[in-house]
């Protein structure tokens, strides 16, 4: 599987703060032995991370470790009213297990954008898995930026190493388009070749 440099290069820890907003939200405990809190957000879901990256979708399921929440009142704060907001800091990050986005998922981080049918962020595994009609863009904002468009059936982003593994199928192979027009490194190489021929 090919590997490319991932979407977020900022020095700010994106998981030091998470804000979730939506039109509707519910909270329940699941039936597992851990009795995790399951928060479900519906309609106009937006997650904003500390580095200003955003993820938008029709649905989000957020799983929290209930053992870390016994002395907190996060359940009420998460589902009060039609607008739900959730904030984590480094001390309580271990409470967060997974975020599962469904339908019309759009991820924005700086000049980079990704879309998919579903996205699952697994904090323990430090992975972000995009499935179905995956498309990743990197736009040109600086002289050394190379515009790239990638399409695949699946993409796995490693949150710590910032690498991305892409998986395709015979019906939907991995497709990469790299626009090198006007890129400084390409221009320098072409000039040196002309000099060598002379």
Protein backbone atom coordinates (compact mmCIF):
# COMPACT_ATOMS: atom_id res chain seq x y z
CA UNK A 1 0.00 0.00 0.00
CA UNK A 2 1.41 3.43 -0.86
CA UNK A 3 2.20 5.86 1.93
CA UNK A 4 2.08 9.64 1.74
CA UNK A 5 2.65 12.44 4.24
CA UNK A 6 -0.53 13.08 6.15
CA UNK A 7 -2.92 15.92 6.57
CA UNK A 8 -1.87 17.71 9.74
CA UNK A 9 1.61 19.15 10.24
CA UNK A 10 0.80 21.75 12.91
CA UNK A 11 2.64 21.81 16.26
CA UNK A 12 -0.62 22.20 18.21
CA UNK A 13 -1.93 18.90 19.57
CA UNK A 14 -5.30 18.64 17.77
CA UNK A 15 -6.69 16.41 20.54
CA UNK A 16 -5.99 18.85 23.36
CA UNK A 17 -9.47 20.31 22.78
CA UNK A 18 -12.54 18.96 20.97
CA UNK A 19 -15.75 20.91 20.40
CA UNK A 20 -18.79 19.07 19.00
CA UNK A 21 -21.92 20.87 17.79
CA UNK A 22 -25.09 19.46 16.24
CA UNK A 23 -28.85 20.03 16.00
CA UNK A 24 -29.63 16.94 18.11
CA UNK A 25 -27.72 14.87 20.67
CA UNK A 26 -28.41 11.90 22.96
CA UNK A 27 -26.41 10.01 25.59
CA UNK A 28 -26.70 6.43 26.84
CA UNK A 29 -24.54 3.74 28.41
CA UNK A 30 -23.85 0.69 26.25
CA UNK A 31 -24.29 -2.95 27.30
CA UNK A 32 -20.59 -3.78 27.39
CA UNK A 33 -18.80 -4.66 30.67
CA UNK A 34 -17.07 -1.27 30.47
CA UNK A 35 -20.45 0.51 30.36
CA UNK A 36 -19.13 3.19 28.05
CA UNK A 37 -21.01 6.41 27.46
CA UNK A 38 -22.32 6.56 23.87
CA UNK A 39 -23.03 10.08 22.62
CA UNK A 40 -24.91 10.35 19.33
CA UNK A 41 -25.06 13.58 17.37
CA UNK A 42 -27.45 14.06 14.45
CA UNK A 43 -27.96 16.76 11.81
CA UNK A 44 -25.37 19.38 10.96
CA UNK A 45 -22.59 17.77 13.02
CA UNK A 46 -19.32 19.69 13.27
CA UNK A 47 -16.24 18.71 15.26
CA UNK A 48 -13.57 21.38 15.74
CA UNK A 49 -10.14 20.37 17.05
CA UNK A 50 -7.58 22.52 18.87
CA UNK A 51 -5.57 23.13 15.69
CA UNK A 52 -8.73 24.49 13.98
CA UNK A 53 -9.16 21.34 11.88
CA UNK A 54 -12.83 20.47 11.36
CA UNK A 55 -14.84 17.37 10.54
CA UNK A 56 -18.43 17.68 9.33
CA UNK A 57 -20.97 14.89 8.84
CA UNK A 58 -24.64 13.95 9.10
CA UNK A 59 -24.02 11.68 12.11
CA UNK A 60 -21.41 11.18 14.83
CA UNK A 61 -21.13 8.52 17.49
CA UNK A 62 -18.64 9.40 20.25
CA UNK A 63 -17.60 6.77 22.80
CA UNK A 64 -16.27 7.81 26.23
CA UNK A 65 -14.87 5.60 28.97
CA UNK A 66 -17.43 5.80 31.78
CA UNK A 67 -14.84 4.85 34.43
CA UNK A 68 -13.14 8.19 33.88
CA UNK A 69 -16.45 10.04 34.05
CA UNK A 70 -17.83 8.86 37.41
CA UNK A 71 -17.06 12.13 39.16
CA UNK A 72 -17.97 14.36 36.24
CA UNK A 73 -21.19 15.77 34.89
CA UNK A 74 -20.30 15.53 31.20
CA UNK A 75 -23.49 13.69 30.30
CA UNK A 76 -25.67 16.70 31.05
CA UNK A 77 -23.30 19.19 29.47
CA UNK A 78 -23.09 17.14 26.28
CA UNK A 79 -26.80 16.86 25.60
CA UNK A 80 -28.22 20.04 27.06
CA UNK A 81 -30.32 21.91 24.52
CA UNK A 82 -30.08 21.44 20.77
CA UNK A 83 -26.43 22.54 20.61
CA UNK A 84 -23.95 20.12 22.18
CA UNK A 85 -20.41 21.13 23.06
CA UNK A 86 -17.64 18.88 24.32
CA UNK A 87 -14.16 19.94 25.44
CA UNK A 88 -11.22 17.68 26.28
CA UNK A 89 -7.81 18.56 27.63
CA UNK A 90 -4.65 16.43 27.79
CA UNK A 91 -5.51 15.26 31.30
CA UNK A 92 -8.85 13.74 30.27
CA UNK A 93 -8.01 12.64 26.73
CA UNK A 94 -7.87 8.98 27.82
CA UNK A 95 -11.65 9.14 28.33
CA UNK A 96 -12.20 9.45 24.60
CA UNK A 97 -12.18 6.12 22.75
CA UNK A 98 -13.60 6.55 19.26
CA UNK A 99 -15.38 9.02 17.01
CA UNK A 100 -17.42 7.45 14.20
CA UNK A 101 -18.72 9.77 11.47
CA UNK A 102 -21.35 8.72 8.91
CA UNK A 103 -22.67 10.22 5.67
CA UNK A 104 -21.19 13.19 3.81
CA UNK A 105 -18.04 13.31 5.93
CA UNK A 106 -15.79 16.30 5.13
CA UNK A 107 -12.43 16.90 6.83
CA UNK A 108 -10.61 20.27 6.59
CA UNK A 109 -7.11 21.03 7.86
CA UNK A 110 -5.34 24.08 6.44
CA UNK A 111 -5.03 23.68 2.67
CA UNK A 112 -5.94 20.01 2.92
CA UNK A 113 -9.37 18.45 2.57
CA UNK A 114 -10.71 14.89 2.61
CA UNK A 115 -14.14 13.37 2.04
CA UNK A 116 -15.51 9.85 2.61
CA UNK A 117 -18.72 7.95 3.28
CA UNK A 118 -17.59 7.03 6.81
CA UNK A 119 -14.68 7.99 9.07
CA UNK A 120 -13.65 6.25 12.30
CA UNK A 121 -11.06 7.87 14.59
CA UNK A 122 -9.61 5.37 17.07
CA UNK A 123 -7.69 7.19 19.82
CA UNK A 124 -6.13 4.02 21.30
CA UNK A 125 -4.81 2.91 17.90
CA UNK A 126 -3.97 6.48 16.85
CA UNK A 127 -5.68 5.93 13.50
CA UNK A 128 -8.25 7.69 11.35
CA UNK A 129 -9.87 5.32 8.86
CA UNK A 130 -11.79 6.69 5.88
CA UNK A 131 -14.04 4.29 3.93
CA UNK A 132 -16.01 4.61 0.72
CA UNK A 133 -15.49 7.16 -2.06
CA UNK A 134 -12.39 8.55 -0.39
CA UNK A 135 -10.90 11.69 -1.92
CA UNK A 136 -8.02 13.75 -0.51
CA UNK A 137 -6.91 17.15 -1.78
CA UNK A 138 -3.85 19.26 -1.00
CA UNK A 139 -4.08 22.76 -2.43
CA UNK A 140 -1.17 25.07 -3.25
CA UNK A 141 -0.77 27.81 -0.62
CA UNK A 142 3.01 28.23 -0.61
CA UNK A 143 5.65 28.06 -3.37
CA UNK A 144 6.87 24.62 -2.31
CA UNK A 145 3.39 23.11 -1.98
CA UNK A 146 2.55 20.53 -4.65
CA UNK A 147 -1.19 20.27 -5.44
CA UNK A 148 -2.24 16.62 -5.05
CA UNK A 149 -5.58 14.84 -5.51
CA UNK A 150 -5.88 11.24 -4.31
CA UNK A 151 -8.85 8.91 -4.74
CA UNK A 152 -9.22 5.45 -3.18
CA UNK A 153 -11.68 3.03 -1.64
CA UNK A 154 -10.05 3.29 1.81
CA UNK A 155 -7.43 5.41 3.57
CA UNK A 156 -5.86 4.87 6.99
CA UNK A 157 -4.19 7.93 8.53
CA UNK A 158 -1.75 7.39 11.39
CA UNK A 159 -2.23 10.26 13.83
CA UNK A 160 1.25 10.06 15.37
CA UNK A 161 3.44 9.45 12.32
CA UNK A 162 1.26 11.49 9.91
CA UNK A 163 1.49 8.73 7.28
CA UNK A 164 -1.45 7.64 5.13
CA UNK A 165 -2.02 4.14 3.74
CA UNK A 166 -4.27 3.94 0.70
CA UNK A 167 -6.24 0.87 -0.40
CA UNK A 168 -7.99 0.42 -3.73
CA UNK A 169 -9.89 -2.31 -5.56
CA UNK A 170 -10.01 -3.45 -9.18
CA UNK A 171 -13.20 -1.42 -9.56
CA UNK A 172 -11.84 1.56 -7.61
CA UNK A 173 -8.02 1.62 -7.80
CA UNK A 174 -5.89 4.17 -5.97
CA UNK A 175 -5.59 7.23 -8.21
CA UNK A 176 -3.09 10.03 -7.60
CA UNK A 177 -2.92 13.27 -9.59
CA UNK A 178 0.12 15.50 -8.93
CA UNK A 179 0.22 18.96 -10.51
CA UNK A 180 3.90 19.89 -11.01
CA UNK A 181 3.29 22.89 -13.25
CA UNK A 182 5.12 25.92 -11.91
CA UNK A 183 6.72 24.03 -9.02
CA UNK A 184 10.16 25.53 -8.18
CA UNK A 185 12.03 22.20 -7.98
CA UNK A 186 10.73 21.17 -11.42
CA UNK A 187 11.78 24.48 -12.95
CA UNK A 188 15.32 24.18 -11.58
CA UNK A 189 15.74 20.65 -12.93
CA UNK A 190 14.56 21.63 -16.41
CA UNK A 191 17.06 24.51 -16.56
CA UNK A 192 19.99 22.32 -15.52
CA UNK A 193 19.15 19.79 -18.22
CA UNK A 194 19.30 22.50 -20.88
CA UNK A 195 22.77 23.54 -19.68
CA UNK A 196 24.02 19.93 -19.76
CA UNK A 197 22.95 19.48 -23.40
CA UNK A 198 24.95 22.55 -24.44
